[in-house]
Structures are given as C-alpha cells and as structure tokens.
Amino acid sequence: MLRFLILALALFAAPLHAQTRAQHQAEFRNWLGQTVWPQARRAGVSKATFDAAFSGVQLNFDIPGLRLPGQAVASGGQAEFRSPARYFRQDNLNAQARIGRQLAGQYATALAQIEQRTGVPGRVVLAIWGRESGFGRVRIPHNVFQVLGTRAFFSEGDYMTSELVGALQVAQDGHVPLSQMRSSWAGALGQPQMMPRSFLAYAADGTGDGRADIWGSPVDTMMSIANFLKVHDWVPGRDWGFEVALPANVSCELEGPDQARTIAEWEALGITRITGRPFPENERRGSASLLMPAGRNGPAFLVTPNFYVIKRYNHSDAYALYVGHAGDKIQYGVGPFRTGWANSDRLQRSDVAALQRGLERAGFDVGGADGLAGYKTRRSIGAWQSRNGLAATCYPSRALVQALGR
C-alpha cells in the first residue's frame, strides 16, 4: 500500500511520462516476484511455468478502464449511461440466430446429450457462445498474463490477483500451450470467455477425451457453458422468461427478484403474455419476477429463476435478456420484442450516481451509487415519483438528476 501512496502523491494530476512508466515497470517486476510468485507456488505452479508465463511481459497502459495512481481512468472521458436498447440491434441478433440455427443442426446430437446431462437447453448454450465469442469466430488477441497482471498490479485487488494465479494454474496443468493463452481485455479465456478460476471450476469435457478444451473444441465449449449454468442451479424444464403486457395500474415499483410471486399471482394482477398466448401451465405454478430494464420506457418481462442463473455468467440484466431472446430466436424464430424502447435522456454515469445519492438521502435503497441503474434504483425512482405526485417511470432522466442529484 505504501508504494502506491507514494506513487499517487508523486503523480497526482501529472501525465504519465516515460520515466514514470519505467518506474512502474520496475515496480511490476518486483511485485511479481514478491507478491504473485509466493501465491503461485502455493497453488502448485512451478518456477519454470511462472518464468515462461511472464517472459517479456510488461505493463500495458492502454487497457480500457485502467485506473492509474493519481490519474483518471485510462480510456479517458466520462462513462456514458445508456439505454438497454443498444444491446438489441436486430441485424446483430438475426445474424447470430442464423448461425446458431446452423450450429444447432450440426451439433444436434451433442446438444441433446448436453441437455440430458445438465438440463440446460441448447438454445441458451448457443446464445451464450454466440454472445461471448461469435461462436469462436471472434479473434481474442491479448496476452492473459499481461492483462491480468496489469489489472491486478494497479488495482491491488485480491480478485484480479487470484485470477492471475488461476491463469498460471491453467498453464501449469497443460490445458493449452502458453502461446494460446489469449484473453479479452477483462482476462477471460477461450470461446466461452471464462475467467481462469471459472475455467478451473466449471470447464467440462463434452467429447469424452478427458480434456476440457474451450479453445479448440465447440462441444467442450458448449458443455462448459452448460455445466456452469447447471452448477449455479439452472432449473430444468423452466424457461428464462416471457415478455408481458403490464397494465397501467400495476406499479413498476414491483420490479425485482425479492418481490417474486407465482406467475398465476401475476396473472391475477392483470399481467398477460404480450403475444396473447397463455403461460404454460407448469410455468404458472412457478415463481417469477417483474423485470423492466428501461422502466416504463421499454418492454416488461416476467423472468424465472433461470434468468438470474444466466446473470451469474455476466452480471447484467441486458446481457441475460439478450441471451434469452437470442436463444428464442435460434429455436423459435421470434421477432423483436413487441414493445419498443422509447428514447431516453443521454446521461453520464456520474449523473446517475448523483441521482442515486439523492435517492439514498431520501431514504431509498438503490443498491449503491455506482452509476448503473439496477432494479433497486429503478423501483426507488418509481417510489420517489409516486411519493411526489409524479407518474412513475422507474428510469433515470435529466429532470430527475436535476431534482435529486444536487
């Protein structure tokens, strides 16, 4: 901690000059030897593997979102808060669904076996695979040891350091040659984009050859995704959710998994499927939560516990909704959501964080002032609006920031 305090004081408000970068590089090599190597050795990593992994590896100061001592986030500028609508471009979804249907036919036998073993439908597995790496077609160019090493060094976070040690364990166990240890900017590996510790915990052999090859084997990739969902309590036989028509008298304040009730109970409030078809009978008896990712500015859904299992793969409502919708497109050929996404005010995440702090001052639980409007923030907005005689939209706006973010 002391070295970071000294560096922060020396660098406060100063550009990162070449001399400072060289100082960081030297600190990085010392940190690898003094902090990472002892942890790696305890995890069973040999010195030969450790040295080979970090041969020629230096800090990468261009990693998006990197926070350097005494400086703003490396990517520059303020992070924008955006409507979920950007996730659901139909040309992207249709292209993914087209490839997904082809692969569903090509791997029909393997997908049937995977569903039998895990209870996870093939369409969900294919949707995650497509979202994470374009079904293995997206180039993953970054050195995982450089990415995780840089992030762990600058954050001093136990999480990133443990992922770095996990990557060393993957190399030590010989799952893939070091030359193929490529990752995203986040440090995720292979076609399913698993973090190293997730790979060690959940990657699974789908071909029966004794290996879990998420780099070169589509079947192992699909099996690994399904195994992750199974271990995180996927409920066989249940869907992920349904787009619904929400009556005007049903408050958007009812959103959230902690307010779940059976679908039959939601029906009693007047909620129906947007298609007009009845809910499946087995689903009517099961619990579901109201999801309104854009408040009253977009479509509404009743989502089952499986939706929140998908969120364990990526903790984002929009991500899980994308996966569910893409899977439905792959298997059923569904069109866009029936309810469109209304235009929303353009805000920065700092604006939303200020709004959240204002709601906290008013006594609401927003789940933390992080600039991300999750369900706790959305329903808190609705409750504040109702309390003040306003129509409840349950979504951030410029007017709300001005009213509450001072």
Protein backbone atom coordinates (compact mmCIF):
# COMPACT_ATOMS: atom_id res chain seq x y z
CA MET A 1 0.00 0.00 0.00
CA LEU A 2 2.84 2.43 0.87
CA ARG A 3 4.38 2.25 -2.60
CA PHE A 4 1.04 3.12 -4.19
CA LEU A 5 0.55 6.06 -1.84
CA ILE A 6 3.99 7.41 -2.73
CA LEU A 7 3.34 6.94 -6.46
CA ALA A 8 -0.08 8.58 -6.20
CA LEU A 9 1.35 11.64 -4.46
CA ALA A 10 4.16 11.91 -7.00
CA LEU A 11 1.86 11.53 -9.98
CA PHE A 12 -1.20 13.47 -8.86
CA ALA A 13 -2.63 15.40 -11.82
CA ALA A 14 0.54 14.71 -13.84
CA PRO A 15 0.78 12.99 -17.22
CA LEU A 16 2.28 9.54 -17.28
CA HIS A 17 5.74 10.29 -18.68
CA ALA A 18 8.23 7.72 -19.94
CA GLN A 19 10.27 7.93 -16.73
CA THR A 20 7.17 7.20 -14.65
CA ARG A 21 6.26 4.30 -16.91
CA ALA A 22 9.73 2.85 -16.46
CA GLN A 23 9.32 3.19 -12.70
CA HIS A 24 6.02 1.34 -12.89
CA GLN A 25 7.62 -1.43 -14.96
CA ALA A 26 10.32 -1.93 -12.35
CA GLU A 27 7.71 -1.97 -9.58
CA PHE A 28 5.73 -4.51 -11.59
CA ARG A 29 8.65 -6.94 -11.82
CA ASN A 30 9.26 -6.62 -8.08
CA TRP A 31 5.56 -7.17 -7.37
CA LEU A 32 5.51 -10.32 -9.50
CA GLY A 33 8.37 -11.76 -7.51
CA GLN A 34 7.31 -10.64 -4.05
CA THR A 35 3.50 -10.98 -4.22
CA VAL A 36 2.42 -13.19 -7.12
CA TRP A 37 5.15 -15.84 -7.10
CA PRO A 38 4.59 -16.93 -3.46
CA GLN A 39 0.86 -17.33 -4.15
CA ALA A 40 1.51 -19.19 -7.40
CA ARG A 41 3.99 -21.53 -5.72
CA ARG A 42 1.44 -22.38 -3.02
CA ALA A 43 -1.06 -23.14 -5.80
CA GLY A 44 1.29 -25.70 -7.35
CA VAL A 45 2.79 -23.57 -10.12
CA SER A 46 6.41 -24.35 -10.95
CA LYS A 47 9.08 -21.66 -11.28
CA ALA A 48 9.60 -22.75 -14.87
CA THR A 49 5.93 -22.14 -15.72
CA PHE A 50 5.93 -18.83 -13.84
CA ASP A 51 9.03 -17.55 -15.62
CA ALA A 52 7.80 -18.68 -19.02
CA ALA A 53 4.39 -17.03 -18.50
CA PHE A 54 5.93 -13.65 -17.67
CA SER A 55 8.84 -13.77 -20.10
CA GLY A 56 8.81 -10.42 -21.89
CA VAL A 57 5.54 -9.36 -20.24
CA GLN A 58 5.30 -5.70 -19.35
CA LEU A 59 2.51 -3.49 -18.06
CA ASN A 60 0.01 -2.40 -20.70
CA PHE A 61 -1.07 1.19 -20.00
CA ASP A 62 -3.72 1.13 -22.76
CA ILE A 63 -6.09 -1.38 -21.16
CA PRO A 64 -9.62 0.13 -21.22
CA GLY A 65 -10.87 1.29 -17.85
CA LEU A 66 -7.48 1.04 -16.19
CA ARG A 67 -7.14 3.35 -13.21
CA LEU A 68 -3.59 4.59 -12.73
CA PRO A 69 -2.33 6.18 -9.50
CA GLY A 70 -3.23 9.88 -9.42
CA GLN A 71 -4.95 9.79 -12.80
CA ALA A 72 -8.38 9.37 -14.30
CA VAL A 73 -9.48 6.14 -15.95
CA ALA A 74 -7.06 5.38 -18.79
CA SER A 75 -9.73 5.25 -21.50
CA GLY A 76 -10.49 8.94 -20.85
CA GLY A 77 -13.77 10.81 -20.70
CA GLN A 78 -16.83 10.11 -18.64
CA ALA A 79 -18.59 6.79 -18.93
CA GLU A 80 -21.98 7.15 -20.57
CA PHE A 81 -25.15 5.69 -19.11
CA ARG A 82 -27.09 4.10 -21.95
CA SER A 83 -30.48 2.59 -22.53
CA PRO A 84 -30.58 -1.25 -22.81
CA ALA A 85 -31.88 -0.74 -26.35
CA ARG A 86 -28.31 -0.70 -27.69
CA TYR A 87 -27.99 -4.40 -26.89
CA PHE A 88 -30.85 -5.43 -29.13
CA ARG A 89 -29.99 -4.39 -32.67
CA GLN A 90 -31.98 -6.73 -34.84
CA ASP A 91 -29.33 -7.11 -37.52
CA ASN A 92 -26.88 -8.46 -34.93
CA LEU A 93 -29.49 -10.71 -33.32
CA ASN A 94 -30.69 -12.06 -36.66
CA ALA A 95 -27.14 -12.81 -37.81
CA GLN A 96 -26.38 -14.62 -34.57
CA ALA A 97 -29.64 -16.57 -34.75
CA ARG A 98 -28.90 -17.63 -38.32
CA ILE A 99 -25.51 -19.05 -37.37
CA GLY A 100 -26.97 -20.51 -34.18
CA ARG A 101 -29.60 -22.44 -36.13
CA GLN A 102 -26.91 -23.85 -38.41
CA LEU A 103 -24.86 -24.99 -35.42
CA ALA A 104 -27.95 -26.37 -33.70
CA GLY A 105 -28.35 -28.72 -36.64
CA GLN A 106 -24.65 -29.51 -36.92
CA TYR A 107 -24.33 -30.35 -33.21
CA ALA A 108 -27.84 -31.68 -32.61
CA THR A 109 -26.64 -34.92 -31.04
CA ALA A 110 -24.10 -33.23 -28.79
CA LEU A 111 -26.60 -30.58 -27.68
CA ALA A 112 -29.18 -33.24 -26.86
CA GLN A 113 -26.61 -35.07 -24.73
CA ILE A 114 -25.58 -31.84 -23.04
CA GLU A 115 -29.20 -31.03 -22.17
CA GLN A 116 -29.70 -34.56 -20.86
CA ARG A 117 -26.65 -34.21 -18.59
CA THR A 118 -27.26 -30.66 -17.39
CA GLY A 119 -30.90 -29.76 -18.01
CA VAL A 120 -29.81 -26.63 -19.91
CA PRO A 121 -31.48 -26.16 -23.33
CA GLY A 122 -29.23 -26.00 -26.36
CA ARG A 123 -30.64 -22.65 -27.45
CA VAL A 124 -29.38 -20.98 -24.25
CA VAL A 125 -25.95 -22.56 -24.59
CA LEU A 126 -25.69 -21.45 -28.22
CA ALA A 127 -26.82 -17.91 -27.36
CA ILE A 128 -24.09 -17.52 -24.72
CA TRP A 129 -21.46 -18.97 -27.05
CA GLY A 130 -22.53 -16.56 -29.77
CA ARG A 131 -22.57 -13.57 -27.46
CA GLU A 132 -19.19 -14.32 -25.91
CA SER A 133 -17.08 -15.08 -28.97
CA GLY A 134 -19.26 -15.13 -32.07
CA PHE A 135 -19.27 -18.94 -31.87
CA GLY A 136 -15.49 -18.97 -31.69
CA ARG A 137 -15.07 -16.69 -34.72
CA VAL A 138 -14.03 -13.53 -32.88
CA ARG A 139 -10.27 -13.03 -32.56
CA ILE A 140 -9.08 -12.93 -28.94
CA PRO A 141 -5.69 -11.22 -29.21
CA HIS A 142 -4.43 -10.26 -25.76
CA ASN A 143 -1.82 -11.93 -23.55
CA VAL A 144 -3.75 -13.05 -20.47
CA PHE A 145 -0.73 -12.67 -18.17
CA GLN A 146 -0.20 -9.09 -19.32
CA VAL A 147 -3.90 -8.21 -18.99
CA LEU A 148 -4.45 -9.78 -15.57
CA GLY A 149 -1.00 -8.76 -14.36
CA THR A 150 -1.61 -5.12 -15.26
CA ARG A 151 -5.09 -5.05 -13.75
CA ALA A 152 -4.01 -6.78 -10.56
CA PHE A 153 -0.92 -4.59 -10.15
CA PHE A 154 -2.75 -1.29 -10.43
CA SER A 155 -5.89 -2.29 -8.55
CA GLU A 156 -4.10 -4.11 -5.73
CA GLY A 157 -7.26 -6.21 -5.76
CA ASP A 158 -7.30 -9.74 -4.40
CA TYR A 159 -9.80 -10.71 -7.10
CA MET A 160 -7.56 -9.93 -10.06
CA THR A 161 -4.51 -11.36 -8.35
CA SER A 162 -6.34 -14.61 -7.71
CA GLU A 163 -7.43 -14.72 -11.36
CA LEU A 164 -3.80 -14.18 -12.38
CA VAL A 165 -2.75 -17.13 -10.22
CA GLY A 166 -5.63 -19.08 -11.76
CA ALA A 167 -4.26 -18.39 -15.23
CA LEU A 168 -0.87 -19.71 -14.09
CA GLN A 169 -2.59 -22.87 -12.83
CA VAL A 170 -4.26 -23.33 -16.21
CA ALA A 171 -0.83 -23.11 -17.84
CA GLN A 172 0.76 -25.39 -15.24
CA ASP A 173 -1.87 -28.07 -15.79
CA GLY A 174 -1.16 -28.05 -19.52
CA HIS A 175 -4.70 -27.31 -20.67
CA VAL A 176 -3.35 -25.21 -23.51
CA PRO A 177 0.11 -24.05 -24.64
CA LEU A 178 1.26 -20.70 -23.30
CA SER A 179 1.19 -19.30 -26.82
CA GLN A 180 -2.59 -19.83 -26.87
CA MET A 181 -3.25 -18.18 -23.50
CA ARG A 182 -5.03 -15.26 -25.12
CA SER A 183 -7.79 -13.29 -23.46
CA SER A 184 -10.17 -10.39 -23.69
CA TRP A 185 -9.35 -7.05 -22.05
CA ALA A 186 -11.09 -8.45 -18.97
CA GLY A 187 -8.86 -11.52 -18.84
CA ALA A 188 -11.47 -14.06 -19.99
CA LEU A 189 -10.31 -17.17 -21.84
CA GLY A 190 -11.39 -19.21 -24.82
CA GLN A 191 -14.60 -19.47 -26.79
CA PRO A 192 -16.92 -19.27 -23.74
CA GLN A 193 -14.86 -16.38 -22.32
CA MET A 194 -14.39 -17.86 -18.87
CA MET A 195 -12.21 -16.19 -16.29
CA PRO A 196 -9.35 -18.51 -15.28
CA ARG A 197 -10.82 -19.55 -11.94
CA SER A 198 -14.19 -20.21 -13.59
CA PHE A 199 -12.41 -22.40 -16.13
CA LEU A 200 -10.76 -24.38 -13.34
CA ALA A 201 -14.07 -24.77 -11.50
CA TYR A 202 -16.62 -25.30 -14.29
CA ALA A 203 -15.00 -26.26 -17.61
CA ALA A 204 -16.15 -29.71 -18.64
CA ASP A 205 -15.29 -32.40 -21.17
CA GLY A 206 -18.06 -32.87 -23.71
CA THR A 207 -16.26 -35.17 -26.14
CA GLY A 208 -15.04 -37.85 -23.76
CA ASP A 209 -11.35 -37.36 -24.49
CA GLY A 210 -10.54 -36.38 -20.91
CA ARG A 211 -9.88 -32.70 -21.68
CA ALA A 212 -11.96 -29.57 -21.38
CA ASP A 213 -10.73 -27.73 -24.46
CA ILE A 214 -12.54 -24.38 -24.56
CA TRP A 215 -10.08 -23.08 -27.16
CA GLY A 216 -10.47 -25.58 -29.97
CA SER A 217 -13.49 -27.80 -29.23
CA PRO A 218 -17.02 -26.49 -29.86
CA VAL A 219 -18.51 -29.44 -27.94
CA ASP A 220 -16.30 -28.83 -24.89
CA THR A 221 -17.16 -25.13 -25.12
CA MET A 222 -20.89 -25.85 -25.10
CA MET A 223 -20.57 -28.42 -22.33
CA SER A 224 -18.58 -25.98 -20.21
CA ILE A 225 -21.20 -23.26 -20.60
CA ALA A 226 -23.98 -25.69 -19.70
CA ASN A 227 -22.06 -27.05 -16.72
CA PHE A 228 -21.56 -23.53 -15.39
CA LEU A 229 -25.30 -22.91 -15.54
CA LYS A 230 -26.10 -26.30 -14.01
CA VAL A 231 -23.77 -25.77 -11.05
CA HIS A 232 -25.38 -22.37 -10.49
CA ASP A 233 -28.80 -24.01 -10.09
CA TRP A 234 -30.41 -23.98 -13.53
CA VAL A 235 -33.97 -25.31 -13.14
CA PRO A 236 -34.62 -27.95 -15.84
CA GLY A 237 -37.96 -27.66 -17.59
CA ARG A 238 -38.42 -23.94 -16.95
CA ASP A 239 -37.97 -21.12 -19.43
CA TRP A 240 -35.94 -17.95 -18.79
CA GLY A 241 -38.91 -15.60 -19.02
CA PHE A 242 -41.69 -14.01 -21.08
CA GLU A 243 -42.37 -10.56 -22.47
CA VAL A 244 -45.58 -9.31 -20.89
CA ALA A 245 -48.20 -6.60 -21.19
CA LEU A 246 -48.14 -4.56 -18.00
CA PRO A 247 -51.41 -2.82 -17.09
CA ALA A 248 -51.14 0.85 -16.17
CA ASN A 249 -52.37 0.10 -12.64
CA VAL A 250 -49.52 -2.36 -11.94
CA SER A 251 -46.68 -0.35 -10.45
CA CYS A 252 -43.17 -0.55 -11.81
CA GLU A 253 -42.13 -0.43 -8.15
CA LEU A 254 -42.89 -4.18 -8.02
CA GLU A 255 -39.74 -4.99 -10.00
CA GLY A 256 -37.03 -7.24 -8.57
CA PRO A 257 -36.29 -10.84 -7.60
CA ASP A 258 -37.02 -10.10 -3.94
CA GLN A 259 -40.66 -9.42 -4.91
CA ALA A 260 -41.17 -12.67 -6.83
CA ARG A 261 -44.53 -14.40 -6.85
CA THR A 262 -46.07 -17.18 -8.92
CA ILE A 263 -46.97 -16.39 -12.49
CA ALA A 264 -50.58 -17.21 -11.59
CA GLU A 265 -50.43 -14.44 -8.98
CA TRP A 266 -49.04 -12.01 -11.55
CA GLU A 267 -51.88 -13.02 -13.86
CA ALA A 268 -54.35 -12.12 -11.12
CA LEU A 269 -52.95 -8.58 -11.24
CA GLY A 270 -53.80 -8.42 -14.95
CA ILE A 271 -50.38 -9.25 -16.44
CA THR A 272 -50.55 -11.30 -19.65
CA ARG A 273 -48.10 -12.53 -22.26
CA ILE A 274 -47.52 -9.88 -24.89
CA THR A 275 -48.31 -12.46 -27.59
CA GLY A 276 -51.76 -13.15 -26.15
CA ARG A 277 -50.92 -16.83 -25.68
CA PRO A 278 -51.43 -18.33 -22.22
CA PHE A 279 -48.50 -19.02 -19.95
CA PRO A 280 -47.52 -22.72 -19.94
CA GLU A 281 -49.28 -24.48 -17.08
CA ASN A 282 -46.06 -25.65 -15.42
CA GLU A 283 -44.79 -22.05 -15.51
CA ARG A 284 -47.97 -20.67 -13.92
CA ARG A 285 -47.17 -22.60 -10.74
CA GLY A 286 -43.54 -21.40 -10.64
CA SER A 287 -42.16 -18.17 -9.26
CA ALA A 288 -41.24 -15.24 -11.47
CA SER A 289 -40.07 -11.65 -11.02
CA LEU A 290 -41.02 -8.48 -12.81
CA LEU A 291 -38.18 -7.09 -14.95
CA MET A 292 -38.36 -3.63 -16.51
CA PRO A 293 -34.84 -2.83 -17.72
CA ALA A 294 -35.88 0.60 -19.04
CA GLY A 295 -38.73 1.18 -16.61
CA ARG A 296 -41.85 2.35 -18.40
CA ASN A 297 -39.63 3.35 -21.35
CA GLY A 298 -39.38 -0.18 -22.74
CA PRO A 299 -40.65 -3.75 -22.67
CA ALA A 300 -41.59 -5.58 -19.48
CA PHE A 301 -40.91 -9.22 -18.64
CA LEU A 302 -41.71 -11.89 -16.12
CA VAL A 303 -38.43 -13.73 -15.58
CA THR A 304 -37.90 -17.05 -13.86
CA PRO A 305 -35.03 -18.07 -11.56
CA ASN A 306 -33.18 -19.24 -14.68
CA PHE A 307 -32.82 -15.63 -15.80
CA TYR A 308 -30.76 -14.98 -12.68
CA VAL A 309 -28.68 -18.09 -13.36
CA ILE A 310 -27.76 -16.58 -16.74
CA LYS A 311 -26.80 -13.41 -14.85
CA ARG A 312 -24.22 -15.44 -12.95
CA TYR A 313 -22.39 -15.75 -16.28
CA ASN A 314 -22.44 -11.98 -16.74
CA HIS A 315 -23.96 -9.78 -14.05
CA SER A 316 -26.06 -7.63 -16.36
CA ASP A 317 -29.82 -7.57 -16.91
CA ALA A 318 -29.29 -6.60 -20.54
CA TYR A 319 -26.85 -9.49 -21.07
CA ALA A 320 -29.19 -12.10 -19.61
CA LEU A 321 -32.11 -10.68 -21.56
CA TYR A 322 -30.04 -10.76 -24.75
CA VAL A 323 -29.15 -14.41 -24.17
CA GLY A 324 -32.74 -15.41 -23.51
CA HIS A 325 -34.02 -13.51 -26.53
CA ALA A 326 -31.26 -14.75 -28.85
CA GLY A 327 -31.95 -18.32 -27.75
CA ASP A 328 -35.62 -17.88 -28.59
CA LYS A 329 -34.66 -16.54 -31.99
CA ILE A 330 -32.41 -19.54 -32.60
CA GLN A 331 -35.04 -22.13 -31.69
CA TYR A 332 -38.37 -20.44 -32.42
CA GLY A 333 -37.54 -17.68 -34.90
CA VAL A 334 -39.21 -14.98 -32.82
CA GLY A 335 -39.13 -11.37 -33.95
CA PRO A 336 -38.18 -8.25 -31.98
CA PHE A 337 -39.75 -7.50 -28.62
CA ARG A 338 -43.33 -6.38 -29.16
CA THR A 339 -42.86 -3.26 -27.04
CA GLY A 340 -40.25 -0.85 -28.36
CA TRP A 341 -37.63 1.10 -26.47
CA ALA A 342 -38.54 4.77 -26.02
CA ASN A 343 -35.89 7.45 -26.37
CA SER A 344 -34.15 8.20 -23.09
CA ASP A 345 -32.17 11.22 -21.95
CA ARG A 346 -28.46 11.00 -22.61
CA LEU A 347 -26.73 10.88 -19.23
CA GLN A 348 -23.28 10.18 -17.84
CA ARG A 349 -22.80 7.50 -15.22
CA SER A 350 -21.74 10.29 -12.87
CA ASP A 351 -25.21 11.83 -13.37
CA VAL A 352 -26.88 8.56 -12.43
CA ALA A 353 -24.59 8.17 -9.42
CA ALA A 354 -25.59 11.66 -8.25
CA LEU A 355 -29.24 10.69 -8.69
CA GLN A 356 -28.65 7.55 -6.67
CA ARG A 357 -27.03 9.51 -3.86
CA GLY A 358 -30.05 11.81 -3.82
CA LEU A 359 -32.36 8.82 -3.51
CA GLU A 360 -30.21 7.47 -0.68
CA ARG A 361 -30.53 10.81 1.12
CA ALA A 362 -34.29 10.47 0.71
CA GLY A 363 -34.16 7.09 2.44
CA PHE A 364 -34.22 4.69 -0.52
CA ASP A 365 -32.08 1.58 -1.03
CA VAL A 366 -30.64 1.88 -4.53
CA GLY A 367 -28.07 -0.90 -4.15
CA GLY A 368 -25.13 1.52 -4.15
CA ALA A 369 -24.35 4.74 -6.03
CA ASP A 370 -22.42 3.12 -8.88
CA GLY A 371 -23.97 4.93 -11.85
CA LEU A 372 -25.72 1.76 -13.01
CA ALA A 373 -29.50 1.78 -12.71
CA GLY A 374 -30.31 -1.73 -11.49
CA TYR A 375 -33.72 -2.83 -10.31
CA LYS A 376 -33.27 -1.29 -6.84
CA THR A 377 -32.51 2.08 -8.39
CA ARG A 378 -35.33 1.81 -10.92
CA ARG A 379 -38.01 0.96 -8.38
CA SER A 380 -36.67 3.58 -5.96
CA ILE A 381 -37.12 6.17 -8.70
CA GLY A 382 -40.70 4.98 -9.15
CA ALA A 383 -41.40 5.15 -5.42
CA TRP A 384 -39.96 8.69 -5.20
CA GLN A 385 -42.01 9.77 -8.20
CA SER A 386 -45.20 8.33 -6.70
CA ARG A 387 -44.46 9.95 -3.33
CA ASN A 388 -44.14 13.31 -5.08
CA GLY A 389 -47.28 13.04 -7.19
CA LEU A 390 -45.48 12.22 -10.43
CA ALA A 391 -46.14 9.47 -12.95
CA ALA A 392 -43.84 6.58 -12.09
CA THR A 393 -41.44 5.87 -14.95
CA CYS A 394 -38.85 3.97 -12.87
CA TYR A 395 -35.99 5.20 -15.04
CA PRO A 396 -33.32 7.94 -14.81
CA SER A 397 -33.90 11.20 -16.64
CA ARG A 398 -32.31 14.64 -16.83
CA ALA A 399 -35.20 16.09 -14.80
CA LEU A 400 -34.65 13.53 -12.03
CA VAL A 401 -30.94 14.25 -11.92
CA GLN A 402 -31.70 17.95 -11.56
CA ALA A 403 -34.29 17.31 -8.85
CA LEU A 404 -32.36 14.78 -6.80
CA GLY A 405 -28.72 14.94 -7.82
CA ARG A 406 -27.81 18.26 -6.22
